[in-house]
Amino acid sequence: MIEIENKKDDWEYNNEEEAEMGQLHAIHNNMNHIAEVQRKLARQAQIPSAEFCEECGDEIPSARRTAVPGVQYCVFCQQLHERR
């Protein structure tokens, strides 16, 4: 009976360990994604903000140009661009 209980404990331990590894993998992937977004934002901030949207030609409000350094699209076109 003790052998069966030990095998069950080993199996539960392996499942817990596997679940933890899965969580660590997900955290690692999220951190990589965040770092990539930060790199893109840093590159974008190095270019001047456009006064007019590159897509539709509408004026980009100064508040948006200030809030999002290097912005090239109005809010609507940015949303469309991100969906692609």
PDB file of N, CA and C in Angstrom:
ATOM      1  N   MET A   1       0.816  -1.184   0.000  1.00  0.00           N
ATOM      2  CA  MET A   1       0.000   0.000   0.000  1.00  0.00           C
ATOM      3  C   MET A   1       0.869   1.261   0.000  1.00  0.00           C
ATOM      4  N   ILE A   2       1.982   1.226   0.695  1.00  0.00           N
ATOM      5  CA  ILE A   2       2.862   2.376   0.782  1.00  0.00           C
ATOM      6  C   ILE A   2       3.462   2.695  -0.588  1.00  0.00           C
ATOM      7  N   GLU A   3       3.810   1.667  -1.357  1.00  0.00           N
ATOM      8  CA  GLU A   3       4.369   1.885  -2.693  1.00  0.00           C
ATOM      9  C   GLU A   3       3.374   2.624  -3.578  1.00  0.00           C
ATOM     10  N   ILE A   4       2.102   2.247  -3.520  1.00  0.00           N
ATOM     11  CA  ILE A   4       1.077   2.894  -4.337  1.00  0.00           C
ATOM     12  C   ILE A   4       0.943   4.360  -3.933  1.00  0.00           C
ATOM     13  N   GLU A   5       0.951   4.657  -2.650  1.00  0.00           N
ATOM     14  CA  GLU A   5       0.847   6.037  -2.182  1.00  0.00           C
ATOM     15  C   GLU A   5       2.070   6.843  -2.624  1.00  0.00           C
ATOM     16  N   ASN A   6       3.258   6.251  -2.561  1.00  0.00           N
ATOM     17  CA  ASN A   6       4.469   6.954  -2.988  1.00  0.00           C
ATOM     18  C   ASN A   6       4.420   7.269  -4.474  1.00  0.00           C
ATOM     19  N   LYS A   7       3.941   6.325  -5.281  1.00  0.00           N
ATOM     20  CA  LYS A   7       3.829   6.565  -6.720  1.00  0.00           C
ATOM     21  C   LYS A   7       2.831   7.679  -6.984  1.00  0.00           C
ATOM     22  N   LYS A   8       1.726   7.705  -6.237  1.00  0.00           N
ATOM     23  CA  LYS A   8       0.725   8.753  -6.394  1.00  0.00           C
ATOM     24  C   LYS A   8       1.327  10.105  -6.028  1.00  0.00           C
ATOM     25  N   ASP A   9       2.085  10.157  -4.939  1.00  0.00           N
ATOM     26  CA  ASP A   9       2.735  11.400  -4.533  1.00  0.00           C
ATOM     27  C   ASP A   9       3.720  11.873  -5.606  1.00  0.00           C
ATOM     28  N   ASP A  10       4.490  10.942  -6.177  1.00  0.00           N
ATOM     29  CA  ASP A  10       5.427  11.293  -7.238  1.00  0.00           C
ATOM     30  C   ASP A  10       4.687  11.857  -8.450  1.00  0.00           C
ATOM     31  N   TRP A  11       3.561  11.240  -8.794  1.00  0.00           N
ATOM     32  CA  TRP A  11       2.773  11.688  -9.943  1.00  0.00           C
ATOM     33  C   TRP A  11       2.221  13.094  -9.695  1.00  0.00           C
ATOM     34  N   GLU A  12       1.704  13.351  -8.504  1.00  0.00           N
ATOM     35  CA  GLU A  12       1.178  14.671  -8.172  1.00  0.00           C
ATOM     36  C   GLU A  12       2.293  15.705  -8.187  1.00  0.00           C
ATOM     37  N   TYR A  13       3.456  15.322  -7.672  1.00  0.00           N
ATOM     38  CA  TYR A  13       4.595  16.239  -7.658  1.00  0.00           C
ATOM     39  C   TYR A  13       4.995  16.598  -9.083  1.00  0.00           C
ATOM     40  N   ASN A  14       5.058  15.611  -9.968  1.00  0.00           N
ATOM     41  CA  ASN A  14       5.426  15.858 -11.361  1.00  0.00           C
ATOM     42  C   ASN A  14       4.419  16.779 -12.036  1.00  0.00           C
ATOM     43  N   ASN A  15       3.127  16.599 -11.742  1.00  0.00           N
ATOM     44  CA  ASN A  15       2.114  17.464 -12.342  1.00  0.00           C
ATOM     45  C   ASN A  15       2.246  18.902 -11.838  1.00  0.00           C
ATOM     46  N   GLU A  16       2.518  19.058 -10.556  1.00  0.00           N
ATOM     47  CA  GLU A  16       2.707  20.396  -9.993  1.00  0.00           C
ATOM     48  C   GLU A  16       3.934  21.056 -10.604  1.00  0.00           C
ATOM     49  N   GLU A  17       4.990  20.284 -10.733  1.00  0.00           N
ATOM     50  CA  GLU A  17       6.229  20.800 -11.311  1.00  0.00           C
ATOM     51  C   GLU A  17       6.003  21.219 -12.763  1.00  0.00           C
ATOM     52  N   GLU A  18       5.252  20.412 -13.495  1.00  0.00           N
ATOM     53  CA  GLU A  18       4.949  20.720 -14.887  1.00  0.00           C
ATOM     54  C   GLU A  18       4.098  21.988 -14.991  1.00  0.00           C
ATOM     55  N   ALA A  19       3.142  22.140 -14.099  1.00  0.00           N
ATOM     56  CA  ALA A  19       2.292  23.340 -14.099  1.00  0.00           C
ATOM     57  C   ALA A  19       3.125  24.578 -13.799  1.00  0.00           C
ATOM     58  N   GLU A  20       4.040  24.477 -12.855  1.00  0.00           N
ATOM     59  CA  GLU A  20       4.915  25.601 -12.526  1.00  0.00           C
ATOM     60  C   GLU A  20       5.804  25.970 -13.709  1.00  0.00           C
ATOM     61  N   MET A  21       6.313  24.976 -14.406  1.00  0.00           N
ATOM     62  CA  MET A  21       7.148  25.239 -15.576  1.00  0.00           C
ATOM     63  C   MET A  21       6.328  25.934 -16.660  1.00  0.00           C
ATOM     64  N   GLY A  22       5.086  25.524 -16.817  1.00  0.00           N
ATOM     65  CA  GLY A  22       4.206  26.174 -17.785  1.00  0.00           C
ATOM     66  C   GLY A  22       3.971  27.634 -17.434  1.00  0.00           C
ATOM     67  N   GLN A  23       3.783  27.915 -16.157  1.00  0.00           N
ATOM     68  CA  GLN A  23       3.600  29.299 -15.713  1.00  0.00           C
ATOM     69  C   GLN A  23       4.857  30.127 -15.933  1.00  0.00           C
ATOM     70  N   LEU A  24       6.003  29.547 -15.631  1.00  0.00           N
ATOM     71  CA  LEU A  24       7.264  30.253 -15.859  1.00  0.00           C
ATOM     72  C   LEU A  24       7.478  30.548 -17.340  1.00  0.00           C
ATOM     73  N   HIS A  25       7.118  29.605 -18.185  1.00  0.00           N
ATOM     74  CA  HIS A  25       7.232  29.785 -19.631  1.00  0.00           C
ATOM     75  C   HIS A  25       6.324  30.933 -20.088  1.00  0.00           C
ATOM     76  N   ALA A  26       5.099  30.974 -19.580  1.00  0.00           N
ATOM     77  CA  ALA A  26       4.160  32.037 -19.942  1.00  0.00           C
ATOM     78  C   ALA A  26       4.677  33.395 -19.474  1.00  0.00           C
ATOM     79  N   ILE A  27       5.230  33.459 -18.270  1.00  0.00           N
ATOM     80  CA  ILE A  27       5.793  34.708 -17.748  1.00  0.00           C
ATOM     81  C   ILE A  27       6.957  35.162 -18.619  1.00  0.00           C
ATOM     82  N   HIS A  28       7.811  34.239 -18.990  1.00  0.00           N
ATOM     83  CA  HIS A  28       8.967  34.550 -19.848  1.00  0.00           C
ATOM     84  C   HIS A  28       8.491  35.110 -21.190  1.00  0.00           C
ATOM     85  N   ASN A  29       7.489  34.480 -21.790  1.00  0.00           N
ATOM     86  CA  ASN A  29       6.963  34.963 -23.064  1.00  0.00           C
ATOM     87  C   ASN A  29       6.376  36.360 -22.922  1.00  0.00           C
ATOM     88  N   ASN A  30       5.642  36.606 -21.835  1.00  0.00           N
ATOM     89  CA  ASN A  30       5.071  37.937 -21.605  1.00  0.00           C
ATOM     90  C   ASN A  30       6.152  38.986 -21.434  1.00  0.00           C
ATOM     91  N   MET A  31       7.199  38.638 -20.709  1.00  0.00           N
ATOM     92  CA  MET A  31       8.297  39.583 -20.505  1.00  0.00           C
ATOM     93  C   MET A  31       8.994  39.905 -21.824  1.00  0.00           C
ATOM     94  N   ASN A  32       9.169  38.913 -22.671  1.00  0.00           N
ATOM     95  CA  ASN A  32       9.767  39.146 -23.987  1.00  0.00           C
ATOM     96  C   ASN A  32       8.887  40.065 -24.832  1.00  0.00           C
ATOM     97  N   HIS A  33       7.579  39.851 -24.773  1.00  0.00           N
ATOM     98  CA  HIS A  33       6.647  40.678 -25.532  1.00  0.00           C
ATOM     99  C   HIS A  33       6.698  42.124 -25.028  1.00  0.00           C
ATOM    100  N   ILE A  34       6.710  42.312 -23.725  1.00  0.00           N
ATOM    101  CA  ILE A  34       6.786  43.653 -23.137  1.00  0.00           C
ATOM    102  C   ILE A  34       8.078  44.345 -23.563  1.00  0.00           C
ATOM    103  N   ALA A  35       9.181  43.624 -23.540  1.00  0.00           N
ATOM    104  CA  ALA A  35      10.470  44.200 -23.939  1.00  0.00           C
ATOM    105  C   ALA A  35      10.439  44.622 -25.409  1.00  0.00           C
ATOM    106  N   GLU A  36       9.807  43.827 -26.259  1.00  0.00           N
ATOM    107  CA  GLU A  36       9.702  44.168 -27.681  1.00  0.00           C
ATOM    108  C   GLU A  36       8.864  45.436 -27.872  1.00  0.00           C
ATOM    109  N   VAL A  37       7.763  45.550 -27.153  1.00  0.00           N
ATOM    110  CA  VAL A  37       6.921  46.749 -27.230  1.00  0.00           C
ATOM    111  C   VAL A  37       7.708  47.966 -26.756  1.00  0.00           C
ATOM    112  N   GLN A  38       8.474  47.819 -25.681  1.00  0.00           N
ATOM    113  CA  GLN A  38       9.293  48.931 -25.180  1.00  0.00           C
ATOM    114  C   GLN A  38      10.328  49.363 -26.220  1.00  0.00           C
ATOM    115  N   ARG A  39      10.943  48.398 -26.901  1.00  0.00           N
ATOM    116  CA  ARG A  39      11.924  48.729 -27.949  1.00  0.00           C
ATOM    117  C   ARG A  39      11.250  49.485 -29.096  1.00  0.00           C
ATOM    118  N   LYS A  40      10.063  49.036 -29.494  1.00  0.00           N
ATOM    119  CA  LYS A  40       9.338  49.704 -30.578  1.00  0.00           C
ATOM    120  C   LYS A  40       8.959  51.130 -30.190  1.00  0.00           C
ATOM    121  N   LEU A  41       8.494  51.309 -28.958  1.00  0.00           N
ATOM    122  CA  LEU A  41       8.119  52.646 -28.499  1.00  0.00           C
ATOM    123  C   LEU A  41       9.338  53.560 -28.432  1.00  0.00           C
ATOM    124  N   ALA A  42      10.466  53.033 -28.015  1.00  0.00           N
ATOM    125  CA  ALA A  42      11.694  53.832 -27.946  1.00  0.00           C
ATOM    126  C   ALA A  42      12.126  54.260 -29.348  1.00  0.00           C
ATOM    127  N   ARG A  43      12.047  53.341 -30.319  1.00  0.00           N
ATOM    128  CA  ARG A  43      12.389  53.696 -31.707  1.00  0.00           C
ATOM    129  C   ARG A  43      11.416  54.741 -32.246  1.00  0.00           C
ATOM    130  N   GLN A  44      10.133  54.557 -31.955  1.00  0.00           N
ATOM    131  CA  GLN A  44       9.110  55.487 -32.437  1.00  0.00           C
ATOM    132  C   GLN A  44       9.328  56.876 -31.857  1.00  0.00           C
ATOM    133  N   ALA A  45       9.714  56.956 -30.599  1.00  0.00           N
ATOM    134  CA  ALA A  45       9.900  58.244 -29.930  1.00  0.00           C
ATOM    135  C   ALA A  45      11.061  59.042 -30.520  1.00  0.00           C
ATOM    136  N   GLN A  46      11.936  58.377 -31.262  1.00  0.00           N
ATOM    137  CA  GLN A  46      13.089  59.064 -31.848  1.00  0.00           C
ATOM    138  C   GLN A  46      12.725  59.832 -33.113  1.00  0.00           C
ATOM    139  N   ILE A  47      11.573  59.530 -33.713  1.00  0.00           N
ATOM    140  CA  ILE A  47      11.161  60.252 -34.917  1.00  0.00           C
ATOM    141  C   ILE A  47      10.153  61.331 -34.523  1.00  0.00           C
ATOM    142  N   PRO A  48      10.110  62.430 -35.256  1.00  0.00           N
ATOM    143  CA  PRO A  48       9.167  63.488 -34.905  1.00  0.00           C
ATOM    144  C   PRO A  48       7.721  63.053 -35.163  1.00  0.00           C
ATOM    145  N   SER A  49       6.830  63.534 -34.328  1.00  0.00           N
ATOM    146  CA  SER A  49       5.403  63.242 -34.511  1.00  0.00           C
ATOM    147  C   SER A  49       4.899  63.971 -35.753  1.00  0.00           C
ATOM    148  N   ALA A  50       4.020  63.305 -36.469  1.00  0.00           N
ATOM    149  CA  ALA A  50       3.427  63.916 -37.657  1.00  0.00           C
ATOM    150  C   ALA A  50       2.277  64.829 -37.248  1.00  0.00           C
ATOM    151  N   GLU A  51       2.109  65.919 -37.971  1.00  0.00           N
ATOM    152  CA  GLU A  51       0.972  66.803 -37.704  1.00  0.00           C
ATOM    153  C   GLU A  51      -0.295  66.265 -38.346  1.00  0.00           C
ATOM    154  N   PHE A  52      -0.122  65.525 -39.430  1.00  0.00           N
ATOM    155  CA  PHE A  52      -1.260  64.964 -40.151  1.00  0.00           C
ATOM    156  C   PHE A  52      -1.076  63.455 -40.293  1.00  0.00           C
ATOM    157  N   CYS A  53      -2.170  62.738 -40.183  1.00  0.00           N
ATOM    158  CA  CYS A  53      -2.162  61.273 -40.250  1.00  0.00           C
ATOM    159  C   CYS A  53      -1.625  60.804 -41.595  1.00  0.00           C
ATOM    160  N   GLU A  54      -0.706  59.870 -41.579  1.00  0.00           N
ATOM    161  CA  GLU A  54      -0.134  59.324 -42.807  1.00  0.00           C
ATOM    162  C   GLU A  54      -1.158  58.526 -43.612  1.00  0.00           C
ATOM    163  N   GLU A  55      -2.176  58.026 -42.952  1.00  0.00           N
ATOM    164  CA  GLU A  55      -3.168  57.183 -43.614  1.00  0.00           C
ATOM    165  C   GLU A  55      -4.294  58.008 -44.239  1.00  0.00           C
ATOM    166  N   CYS A  56      -4.957  58.841 -43.429  1.00  0.00           N
ATOM    167  CA  CYS A  56      -6.156  59.549 -43.906  1.00  0.00           C
ATOM    168  C   CYS A  56      -5.925  61.036 -44.140  1.00  0.00           C
ATOM    169  N   GLY A  57      -4.837  61.591 -43.618  1.00  0.00           N
ATOM    170  CA  GLY A  57      -4.535  62.998 -43.819  1.00  0.00           C
ATOM    171  C   GLY A  57      -5.171  63.942 -42.812  1.00  0.00           C
ATOM    172  N   ASP A  58      -5.977  63.419 -41.891  1.00  0.00           N
ATOM    173  CA  ASP A  58      -6.579  64.271 -40.863  1.00  0.00           C
ATOM    174  C   ASP A  58      -5.500  64.789 -39.913  1.00  0.00           C
ATOM    175  N   GLU A  59      -5.779  65.946 -39.325  1.00  0.00           N
ATOM    176  CA  GLU A  59      -4.841  66.512 -38.364  1.00  0.00           C
ATOM    177  C   GLU A  59      -4.786  65.648 -37.101  1.00  0.00           C
ATOM    178  N   ILE A  60      -3.586  65.450 -36.596  1.00  0.00           N
ATOM    179  CA  ILE A  60      -3.395  64.722 -35.339  1.00  0.00           C
ATOM    180  C   ILE A  60      -3.351  65.774 -34.235  1.00  0.00           C
ATOM    181  N   PRO A  61      -4.262  65.708 -33.269  1.00  0.00           N
ATOM    182  CA  PRO A  61      -4.297  66.724 -32.206  1.00  0.00           C
ATOM    183  C   PRO A  61      -2.955  66.822 -31.463  1.00  0.00           C
ATOM    184  N   SER A  62      -2.625  68.033 -31.042  1.00  0.00           N
ATOM    185  CA  SER A  62      -1.340  68.245 -30.360  1.00  0.00           C
ATOM    186  C   SER A  62      -1.251  67.438 -29.068  1.00  0.00           C
ATOM    187  N   ALA A  63      -2.387  67.232 -28.395  1.00  0.00           N
ATOM    188  CA  ALA A  63      -2.360  66.423 -27.166  1.00  0.00           C
ATOM    189  C   ALA A  63      -1.914  64.996 -27.478  1.00  0.00           C
ATOM    190  N   ARG A  64      -2.360  64.454 -28.602  1.00  0.00           N
ATOM    191  CA  ARG A  64      -1.937  63.096 -28.994  1.00  0.00           C
ATOM    192  C   ARG A  64      -0.457  63.091 -29.370  1.00  0.00           C
ATOM    193  N   ARG A  65      -0.029  64.118 -30.074  1.00  0.00           N
ATOM    194  CA  ARG A  65       1.391  64.187 -30.467  1.00  0.00           C
ATOM    195  C   ARG A  65       2.287  64.283 -29.245  1.00  0.00           C
ATOM    196  N   THR A  66       1.812  64.955 -28.208  1.00  0.00           N
ATOM    197  CA  THR A  66       2.582  65.073 -26.966  1.00  0.00           C
ATOM    198  C   THR A  66       2.557  63.766 -26.180  1.00  0.00           C
ATOM    199  N   ALA A  67       1.390  63.149 -26.119  1.00  0.00           N
ATOM    200  CA  ALA A  67       1.226  61.917 -25.322  1.00  0.00           C
ATOM    201  C   ALA A  67       1.928  60.722 -25.954  1.00  0.00           C
ATOM    202  N   VAL A  68       1.989  60.698 -27.293  1.00  0.00           N
ATOM    203  CA  VAL A  68       2.582  59.559 -28.002  1.00  0.00           C
ATOM    204  C   VAL A  68       3.694  60.081 -28.911  1.00  0.00           C
ATOM    205  N   PRO A  69       4.901  60.206 -28.365  1.00  0.00           N
ATOM    206  CA  PRO A  69       6.014  60.712 -29.184  1.00  0.00           C
ATOM    207  C   PRO A  69       6.227  59.856 -30.430  1.00  0.00           C
ATOM    208  N   GLY A  70       6.393  60.536 -31.564  1.00  0.00           N
ATOM    209  CA  GLY A  70       6.634  59.831 -32.818  1.00  0.00           C
ATOM    210  C   GLY A  70       5.381  59.311 -33.488  1.00  0.00           C
ATOM    211  N   VAL A  71       4.219  59.737 -33.024  1.00  0.00           N
ATOM    212  CA  VAL A  71       2.958  59.245 -33.586  1.00  0.00           C
ATOM    213  C   VAL A  71       2.851  59.635 -35.069  1.00  0.00           C
ATOM    214  N   GLN A  72       2.325  58.723 -35.869  1.00  0.00           N
ATOM    215  CA  GLN A  72       2.191  58.960 -37.309  1.00  0.00           C
ATOM    216  C   GLN A  72       0.746  58.839 -37.795  1.00  0.00           C
ATOM    217  N   TYR A  73      -0.134  58.324 -36.937  1.00  0.00           N
ATOM    218  CA  TYR A  73      -1.524  58.084 -37.327  1.00  0.00           C
ATOM    219  C   TYR A  73      -2.489  58.721 -36.337  1.00  0.00           C
ATOM    220  N   CYS A  74      -3.670  59.092 -36.816  1.00  0.00           N
ATOM    221  CA  CYS A  74      -4.739  59.513 -35.915  1.00  0.00           C
ATOM    222  C   CYS A  74      -5.208  58.277 -35.139  1.00  0.00           C
ATOM    223  N   VAL A  75      -6.033  58.480 -34.136  1.00  0.00           N
ATOM    224  CA  VAL A  75      -6.468  57.370 -33.276  1.00  0.00           C
ATOM    225  C   VAL A  75      -7.162  56.291 -34.104  1.00  0.00           C
ATOM    226  N   PHE A  76      -8.088  56.693 -34.972  1.00  0.00           N
ATOM    227  CA  PHE A  76      -8.846  55.717 -35.758  1.00  0.00           C
ATOM    228  C   PHE A  76      -7.921  54.887 -36.655  1.00  0.00           C
ATOM    229  N   CYS A  77      -7.051  55.555 -37.379  1.00  0.00           N
ATOM    230  CA  CYS A  77      -6.149  54.829 -38.289  1.00  0.00           C
ATOM    231  C   CYS A  77      -5.143  53.978 -37.518  1.00  0.00           C
ATOM    232  N   GLN A  78      -4.720  54.455 -36.345  1.00  0.00           N
ATOM    233  CA  GLN A  78      -3.809  53.656 -35.512  1.00  0.00           C
ATOM    234  C   GLN A  78      -4.480  52.349 -35.111  1.00  0.00           C
ATOM    235  N   GLN A  79      -5.756  52.418 -34.730  1.00  0.00           N
ATOM    236  CA  GLN A  79      -6.489  51.205 -34.361  1.00  0.00           C
ATOM    237  C   GLN A  79      -6.560  50.236 -35.531  1.00  0.00           C
ATOM    238  N   LEU A  80      -6.844  50.759 -36.733  1.00  0.00           N
ATOM    239  CA  LEU A  80      -6.885  49.899 -37.917  1.00  0.00           C
ATOM    240  C   LEU A  80      -5.515  49.294 -38.204  1.00  0.00           C
ATOM    241  N   HIS A  81      -4.492  50.122 -38.061  1.00  0.00           N
ATOM    242  CA  HIS A  81      -3.111  49.668 -38.321  1.00  0.00           C
ATOM    243  C   HIS A  81      -2.715  48.543 -37.363  1.00  0.00           C
ATOM    244  N   GLU A  82      -3.110  48.657 -36.087  1.00  0.00           N
ATOM    245  CA  GLU A  82      -2.759  47.637 -35.096  1.00  0.00           C
ATOM    246  C   GLU A  82      -3.523  46.337 -35.313  1.00  0.00           C
ATOM    247  N   ARG A  83      -4.696  46.408 -35.905  1.00  0.00           N
ATOM    248  CA  ARG A  83      -5.479  45.183 -36.150  1.00  0.00           C
ATOM    249  C   ARG A  83      -4.900  44.350 -37.268  1.00  0.00           C
ATOM    250  N   ARG A  84      -4.150  45.000 -38.174  1.00  0.00           N
ATOM    251  CA  ARG A  84      -3.575  44.286 -39.326  1.00  0.00           C
ATOM    252  C   ARG A  84      -2.460  43.402 -38.928  1.00  0.00           C
TER     253      ARG A  84
END
